[in-house]
Amino acid sequence: MDRALAMDNLHAGAVDRMLTDEQLAARAKAGDASAMEELYLRYRQPVFRVVYRSTRNIDEAEDIVQDVFLKAFERLHTFREQSRFSTWLMRIALNLCTDRARMRQRRQELVEREAAHRLAWSHPDAPDPIETTRQNAFHEAFYTALNQLPEHHRQLIILRDLEEMEYEQIAAVLGTSVGAVKLRVMRARRAFKAKLEPLLRAIGELE
């Protein structure tokens, strides 16, 4: 049975969905599979969004998400309730994304055109092809620039500007102060701007 199927088929009876994450984590530590299932259902999509924005590859993102939850459930004994479960889980996700990035010898072009864009040309209500091309070019430039950033800068752009996390939450995830996060975000944005502007000029979005 593959890992995704195993995770989706945790069955141990119903669990009270009004329980907090920390209460569920306590039950999961004791071996309650239904509590693990509830935590998985609560956080699969938020974790997937963060991981996918980092990889821009659906198959790789799905693989990492399964690793995140498997690792989290294996390490539940290390979870301390001084922090939020969601923060602890996101830290695991970011660490795994970093590990994957370091394993790659070179960065791949990870821009995917959505199915709607690919079909837009033949759809009876299709938007203006020139506008569609312009939007696709901007989308490609944006993610090309994002993927050219060092991992620590890319993660900050994803968390703050794409996921719109609060500085306090990012600080908790990264284990640092709010002031340090604000400084790192500022540096990441400068680095991103330096990568993005030449690409936008190349497609005529900047003069």
C-alpha atoms as a PDB file:
ATOM      1  CA  MET A   1       0.000   0.000   0.000  1.00  0.00           C
ATOM      2  CA  ASP A   2       1.538   3.350  -0.931  1.00  0.00           C
ATOM      3  CA  ARG A   3       2.056   6.065   1.619  1.00  0.00           C
ATOM      4  CA  ALA A   4      -0.733   8.348   0.386  1.00  0.00           C
ATOM      5  CA  LEU A   5      -3.271   5.544   0.548  1.00  0.00           C
ATOM      6  CA  ALA A   6      -2.052   4.493   3.968  1.00  0.00           C
ATOM      7  CA  MET A   7      -2.412   8.034   5.274  1.00  0.00           C
ATOM      8  CA  ASP A   8      -5.860   8.489   3.772  1.00  0.00           C
ATOM      9  CA  ASN A   9      -7.088   5.239   5.301  1.00  0.00           C
ATOM     10  CA  LEU A  10      -6.395   5.779   8.977  1.00  0.00           C
ATOM     11  CA  HIS A  11      -9.490   4.304  10.605  1.00  0.00           C
ATOM     12  CA  ALA A  12      -9.988   4.106  14.338  1.00  0.00           C
ATOM     13  CA  GLY A  13     -13.436   5.497  14.936  1.00  0.00           C
ATOM     14  CA  ALA A  14     -14.722   9.047  15.039  1.00  0.00           C
ATOM     15  CA  VAL A  15     -12.887  11.775  16.888  1.00  0.00           C
ATOM     16  CA  ASP A  16     -14.391  14.937  18.346  1.00  0.00           C
ATOM     17  CA  ARG A  17     -13.687  17.651  15.791  1.00  0.00           C
ATOM     18  CA  MET A  18     -14.072  20.335  18.426  1.00  0.00           C
ATOM     19  CA  LEU A  19     -10.826  19.217  20.049  1.00  0.00           C
ATOM     20  CA  THR A  20      -7.865  21.565  19.739  1.00  0.00           C
ATOM     21  CA  ASP A  21      -4.809  20.590  17.732  1.00  0.00           C
ATOM     22  CA  GLU A  22      -2.867  20.134  20.946  1.00  0.00           C
ATOM     23  CA  GLN A  23      -5.541  17.842  22.417  1.00  0.00           C
ATOM     24  CA  LEU A  24      -5.505  15.800  19.225  1.00  0.00           C
ATOM     25  CA  ALA A  25      -1.716  15.656  19.312  1.00  0.00           C
ATOM     26  CA  ALA A  26      -1.856  14.340  22.871  1.00  0.00           C
ATOM     27  CA  ARG A  27      -4.271  11.603  21.781  1.00  0.00           C
ATOM     28  CA  ALA A  28      -2.146  10.825  18.749  1.00  0.00           C
ATOM     29  CA  LYS A  29       0.924  10.436  21.001  1.00  0.00           C
ATOM     30  CA  ALA A  30      -1.014   7.764  22.847  1.00  0.00           C
ATOM     31  CA  GLY A  31      -1.624   5.920  19.581  1.00  0.00           C
ATOM     32  CA  ASP A  32      -5.111   7.195  18.702  1.00  0.00           C
ATOM     33  CA  ALA A  33      -5.249   6.741  14.913  1.00  0.00           C
ATOM     34  CA  SER A  34      -8.467   8.756  14.595  1.00  0.00           C
ATOM     35  CA  ALA A  35      -6.700  11.747  16.157  1.00  0.00           C
ATOM     36  CA  MET A  36      -3.890  11.371  13.610  1.00  0.00           C
ATOM     37  CA  GLU A  37      -6.465  11.252  10.830  1.00  0.00           C
ATOM     38  CA  GLU A  38      -8.145  14.424  12.061  1.00  0.00           C
ATOM     39  CA  LEU A  39      -4.815  16.283  12.213  1.00  0.00           C
ATOM     40  CA  TYR A  40      -4.016  15.078   8.708  1.00  0.00           C
ATOM     41  CA  LEU A  41      -7.385  16.253   7.381  1.00  0.00           C
ATOM     42  CA  ARG A  42      -7.021  19.637   9.060  1.00  0.00           C
ATOM     43  CA  TYR A  43      -3.566  20.402   7.751  1.00  0.00           C
ATOM     44  CA  ARG A  44      -3.063  18.489   4.522  1.00  0.00           C
ATOM     45  CA  GLN A  45      -4.160  21.409   2.315  1.00  0.00           C
ATOM     46  CA  PRO A  46      -2.286  24.187   4.185  1.00  0.00           C
ATOM     47  CA  VAL A  47       0.895  22.095   4.149  1.00  0.00           C
ATOM     48  CA  PHE A  48       0.393  21.217   0.473  1.00  0.00           C
ATOM     49  CA  ARG A  49       0.025  24.908  -0.468  1.00  0.00           C
ATOM     50  CA  VAL A  50       3.305  25.848   1.190  1.00  0.00           C
ATOM     51  CA  VAL A  51       5.161  22.858  -0.253  1.00  0.00           C
ATOM     52  CA  TYR A  52       3.733  23.294  -3.757  1.00  0.00           C
ATOM     53  CA  ARG A  53       4.684  26.974  -3.860  1.00  0.00           C
ATOM     54  CA  SER A  54       8.240  25.876  -3.080  1.00  0.00           C
ATOM     55  CA  THR A  55       8.441  23.009  -5.587  1.00  0.00           C
ATOM     56  CA  ARG A  56       5.916  24.026  -8.293  1.00  0.00           C
ATOM     57  CA  ASN A  57       5.630  20.329  -9.027  1.00  0.00           C
ATOM     58  CA  ILE A  58       2.459  18.497  -8.017  1.00  0.00           C
ATOM     59  CA  ASP A  59       3.975  15.020  -7.804  1.00  0.00           C
ATOM     60  CA  GLU A  60       6.954  16.178  -5.758  1.00  0.00           C
ATOM     61  CA  ALA A  61       4.722  18.272  -3.510  1.00  0.00           C
ATOM     62  CA  GLU A  62       2.418  15.325  -2.830  1.00  0.00           C
ATOM     63  CA  ASP A  63       5.435  13.181  -2.009  1.00  0.00           C
ATOM     64  CA  ILE A  64       6.827  15.764   0.413  1.00  0.00           C
ATOM     65  CA  VAL A  65       3.425  16.243   2.087  1.00  0.00           C
ATOM     66  CA  GLN A  66       3.252  12.524   2.854  1.00  0.00           C
ATOM     67  CA  ASP A  67       6.789  12.685   4.247  1.00  0.00           C
ATOM     68  CA  VAL A  68       5.813  15.671   6.408  1.00  0.00           C
ATOM     69  CA  PHE A  69       2.970  13.814   8.102  1.00  0.00           C
ATOM     70  CA  LEU A  70       4.842  10.550   8.421  1.00  0.00           C
ATOM     71  CA  LYS A  71       7.772  12.364  10.022  1.00  0.00           C
ATOM     72  CA  ALA A  72       5.437  14.394  12.246  1.00  0.00           C
ATOM     73  CA  PHE A  73       3.647  11.317  13.543  1.00  0.00           C
ATOM     74  CA  GLU A  74       6.951   9.535  14.073  1.00  0.00           C
ATOM     75  CA  ARG A  75       8.223  12.516  16.065  1.00  0.00           C
ATOM     76  CA  LEU A  76       5.102  13.353  18.067  1.00  0.00           C
ATOM     77  CA  HIS A  77       7.003  12.523  21.233  1.00  0.00           C
ATOM     78  CA  THR A  78       9.178  15.582  20.531  1.00  0.00           C
ATOM     79  CA  PHE A  79       6.223  17.964  20.220  1.00  0.00           C
ATOM     80  CA  ARG A  80       5.982  20.340  23.159  1.00  0.00           C
ATOM     81  CA  GLU A  81       2.798  22.278  23.782  1.00  0.00           C
ATOM     82  CA  GLN A  82       4.723  25.514  24.314  1.00  0.00           C
ATOM     83  CA  SER A  83       4.306  26.004  20.554  1.00  0.00           C
ATOM     84  CA  ARG A  84       1.291  25.498  18.336  1.00  0.00           C
ATOM     85  CA  PHE A  85       0.975  22.201  16.496  1.00  0.00           C
ATOM     86  CA  SER A  86       0.511  24.027  13.174  1.00  0.00           C
ATOM     87  CA  THR A  87       3.755  25.945  13.722  1.00  0.00           C
ATOM     88  CA  TRP A  88       5.643  22.761  14.560  1.00  0.00           C
ATOM     89  CA  LEU A  89       4.192  21.035  11.492  1.00  0.00           C
ATOM     90  CA  MET A  90       5.094  23.899   9.143  1.00  0.00           C
ATOM     91  CA  ARG A  91       8.655  23.838  10.460  1.00  0.00           C
ATOM     92  CA  ILE A  92       8.901  20.174   9.468  1.00  0.00           C
ATOM     93  CA  ALA A  93       7.489  21.008   6.031  1.00  0.00           C
ATOM     94  CA  LEU A  94       9.996  23.811   5.436  1.00  0.00           C
ATOM     95  CA  ASN A  95      12.894  21.646   6.577  1.00  0.00           C
ATOM     96  CA  LEU A  96      11.896  18.908   4.139  1.00  0.00           C
ATOM     97  CA  CYS A  97      11.567  21.423   1.308  1.00  0.00           C
ATOM     98  CA  THR A  98      15.062  22.668   2.113  1.00  0.00           C
ATOM     99  CA  ASP A  99      16.399  19.114   2.145  1.00  0.00           C
ATOM    100  CA  ARG A 100      14.885  18.418  -1.263  1.00  0.00           C
ATOM    101  CA  ALA A 101      16.296  21.650  -2.692  1.00  0.00           C
ATOM    102  CA  ARG A 102      19.781  20.776  -1.461  1.00  0.00           C
ATOM    103  CA  MET A 103      19.575  17.339  -3.080  1.00  0.00           C
ATOM    104  CA  ARG A 104      18.948  18.805  -6.493  1.00  0.00           C
ATOM    105  CA  GLN A 105      22.166  19.419  -8.433  1.00  0.00           C
ATOM    106  CA  ARG A 106      20.602  22.166 -10.432  1.00  0.00           C
ATOM    107  CA  ARG A 107      17.284  23.956 -10.355  1.00  0.00           C
ATOM    108  CA  GLN A 108      14.683  22.908 -12.870  1.00  0.00           C
ATOM    109  CA  GLU A 109      12.272  25.142 -14.635  1.00  0.00           C
ATOM    110  CA  LEU A 110       9.233  24.491 -12.445  1.00  0.00           C
ATOM    111  CA  VAL A 111       6.659  26.733 -14.104  1.00  0.00           C
ATOM    112  CA  GLU A 112       3.453  24.928 -15.088  1.00  0.00           C
ATOM    113  CA  ARG A 113       0.740  26.424 -17.210  1.00  0.00           C
ATOM    114  CA  GLU A 114      -2.666  25.750 -15.749  1.00  0.00           C
ATOM    115  CA  ALA A 115      -5.064  23.623 -17.778  1.00  0.00           C
ATOM    116  CA  ALA A 116      -7.401  26.565 -18.098  1.00  0.00           C
ATOM    117  CA  HIS A 117      -4.694  28.587 -19.821  1.00  0.00           C
ATOM    118  CA  ARG A 118      -3.842  25.762 -22.177  1.00  0.00           C
ATOM    119  CA  LEU A 119      -7.496  25.389 -23.161  1.00  0.00           C
ATOM    120  CA  ALA A 120      -8.240  29.101 -23.306  1.00  0.00           C
ATOM    121  CA  TRP A 121      -7.458  29.350 -27.032  1.00  0.00           C
ATOM    122  CA  SER A 122     -10.225  26.940 -27.991  1.00  0.00           C
ATOM    123  CA  HIS A 123     -12.860  27.956 -25.407  1.00  0.00           C
ATOM    124  CA  PRO A 124     -15.818  29.883 -26.894  1.00  0.00           C
ATOM    125  CA  ASP A 125     -15.595  32.435 -24.074  1.00  0.00           C
ATOM    126  CA  ALA A 126     -11.823  32.638 -24.178  1.00  0.00           C
ATOM    127  CA  PRO A 127     -10.205  35.920 -23.115  1.00  0.00           C
ATOM    128  CA  ASP A 128      -8.196  38.014 -25.513  1.00  0.00           C
ATOM    129  CA  PRO A 129      -5.262  35.797 -26.649  1.00  0.00           C
ATOM    130  CA  ILE A 130      -2.857  38.746 -26.354  1.00  0.00           C
ATOM    131  CA  GLU A 131      -3.897  39.344 -22.747  1.00  0.00           C
ATOM    132  CA  THR A 132      -3.685  35.624 -21.989  1.00  0.00           C
ATOM    133  CA  THR A 133      -0.167  35.498 -23.423  1.00  0.00           C
ATOM    134  CA  ARG A 134       0.837  38.534 -21.367  1.00  0.00           C
ATOM    135  CA  GLN A 135      -0.526  37.017 -18.161  1.00  0.00           C
ATOM    136  CA  ASN A 136       1.213  33.702 -18.841  1.00  0.00           C
ATOM    137  CA  ALA A 137       4.486  35.508 -19.513  1.00  0.00           C
ATOM    138  CA  PHE A 138       4.210  37.415 -16.225  1.00  0.00           C
ATOM    139  CA  HIS A 139       3.336  34.198 -14.360  1.00  0.00           C
ATOM    140  CA  GLU A 140       6.364  32.466 -15.843  1.00  0.00           C
ATOM    141  CA  ALA A 141       8.672  35.397 -15.058  1.00  0.00           C
ATOM    142  CA  PHE A 142       7.410  35.545 -11.475  1.00  0.00           C
ATOM    143  CA  TYR A 143       8.075  31.882 -10.717  1.00  0.00           C
ATOM    144  CA  THR A 144      11.310  31.809 -12.664  1.00  0.00           C
ATOM    145  CA  ALA A 145      12.587  34.632 -10.450  1.00  0.00           C
ATOM    146  CA  LEU A 146      11.239  32.934  -7.335  1.00  0.00           C
ATOM    147  CA  ASN A 147      12.984  29.673  -8.166  1.00  0.00           C
ATOM    148  CA  GLN A 148      16.281  31.472  -8.759  1.00  0.00           C
ATOM    149  CA  LEU A 149      16.348  32.684  -5.152  1.00  0.00           C
ATOM    150  CA  PRO A 150      18.287  30.872  -2.445  1.00  0.00           C
ATOM    151  CA  GLU A 151      16.030  28.559  -0.463  1.00  0.00           C
ATOM    152  CA  HIS A 152      15.943  30.789   2.652  1.00  0.00           C
ATOM    153  CA  HIS A 153      14.795  33.801   0.610  1.00  0.00           C
ATOM    154  CA  ARG A 154      12.249  31.814  -1.401  1.00  0.00           C
ATOM    155  CA  GLN A 155      10.656  30.402   1.739  1.00  0.00           C
ATOM    156  CA  LEU A 156      10.168  33.883   3.196  1.00  0.00           C
ATOM    157  CA  ILE A 157       8.526  35.194   0.004  1.00  0.00           C
ATOM    158  CA  ILE A 158       6.219  32.168  -0.007  1.00  0.00           C
ATOM    159  CA  LEU A 159       5.256  32.447   3.668  1.00  0.00           C
ATOM    160  CA  ARG A 160       4.841  36.216   3.862  1.00  0.00           C
ATOM    161  CA  ASP A 161       3.789  37.368   0.395  1.00  0.00           C
ATOM    162  CA  LEU A 162       2.049  34.327  -1.092  1.00  0.00           C
ATOM    163  CA  GLU A 163       0.637  32.598   1.988  1.00  0.00           C
ATOM    164  CA  GLU A 164       0.234  35.967   3.778  1.00  0.00           C
ATOM    165  CA  MET A 165       1.331  34.599   7.145  1.00  0.00           C
ATOM    166  CA  GLU A 166       1.718  37.086   9.989  1.00  0.00           C
ATOM    167  CA  TYR A 167       5.252  37.965  11.023  1.00  0.00           C
ATOM    168  CA  GLU A 168       4.603  36.443  14.438  1.00  0.00           C
ATOM    169  CA  GLN A 169       3.641  33.096  12.911  1.00  0.00           C
ATOM    170  CA  ILE A 170       6.673  33.062  10.612  1.00  0.00           C
ATOM    171  CA  ALA A 171       8.903  33.852  13.584  1.00  0.00           C
ATOM    172  CA  ALA A 172       7.440  30.874  15.441  1.00  0.00           C
ATOM    173  CA  VAL A 173       7.948  28.592  12.441  1.00  0.00           C
ATOM    174  CA  LEU A 174      11.561  29.691  11.966  1.00  0.00           C
ATOM    175  CA  GLY A 175      12.362  29.853  15.654  1.00  0.00           C
ATOM    176  CA  THR A 176      13.493  33.476  15.640  1.00  0.00           C
ATOM    177  CA  SER A 177      12.248  36.937  16.614  1.00  0.00           C
ATOM    178  CA  VAL A 178       9.661  39.049  14.797  1.00  0.00           C
ATOM    179  CA  GLY A 179      12.293  41.725  14.229  1.00  0.00           C
ATOM    180  CA  ALA A 180      14.633  39.218  12.621  1.00  0.00           C
ATOM    181  CA  VAL A 181      11.853  37.970  10.367  1.00  0.00           C
ATOM    182  CA  LYS A 182      11.006  41.488   9.205  1.00  0.00           C
ATOM    183  CA  LEU A 183      14.647  42.098   8.348  1.00  0.00           C
ATOM    184  CA  ARG A 184      14.931  38.781   6.494  1.00  0.00           C
ATOM    185  CA  VAL A 185      11.713  39.446   4.565  1.00  0.00           C
ATOM    186  CA  MET A 186      13.045  42.857   3.509  1.00  0.00           C
ATOM    187  CA  ARG A 187      16.252  41.257   2.251  1.00  0.00           C
ATOM    188  CA  ALA A 188      14.339  38.479   0.496  1.00  0.00           C
ATOM    189  CA  ARG A 189      12.118  41.022  -1.267  1.00  0.00           C
ATOM    190  CA  ARG A 190      15.156  42.982  -2.446  1.00  0.00           C
ATOM    191  CA  ALA A 191      16.738  39.810  -3.795  1.00  0.00           C
ATOM    192  CA  PHE A 192      13.466  38.824  -5.472  1.00  0.00           C
ATOM    193  CA  LYS A 193      13.081  42.268  -7.056  1.00  0.00           C
ATOM    194  CA  ALA A 194      16.613  42.041  -8.445  1.00  0.00           C
ATOM    195  CA  LYS A 195      15.770  38.709 -10.069  1.00  0.00           C
ATOM    196  CA  LEU A 196      12.306  39.686 -11.299  1.00  0.00           C
ATOM    197  CA  GLU A 197      12.900  43.112 -12.831  1.00  0.00           C
ATOM    198  CA  PRO A 198      15.192  41.955 -15.694  1.00  0.00           C
ATOM    199  CA  LEU A 199      12.667  39.253 -16.603  1.00  0.00           C
ATOM    200  CA  LEU A 200       9.814  41.768 -16.644  1.00  0.00           C
ATOM    201  CA  ARG A 201      11.824  44.110 -18.854  1.00  0.00           C
ATOM    202  CA  ALA A 202      12.465  41.215 -21.247  1.00  0.00           C
ATOM    203  CA  ILE A 203       8.714  40.684 -21.713  1.00  0.00           C
ATOM    204  CA  GLY A 204       7.909  44.386 -21.886  1.00  0.00           C
ATOM    205  CA  GLU A 205       6.305  44.700 -18.439  1.00  0.00           C
ATOM    206  CA  LEU A 206       8.933  47.240 -17.329  1.00  0.00           C
ATOM    207  CA  GLU A 207      10.731  49.920 -19.295  1.00  0.00           C
END
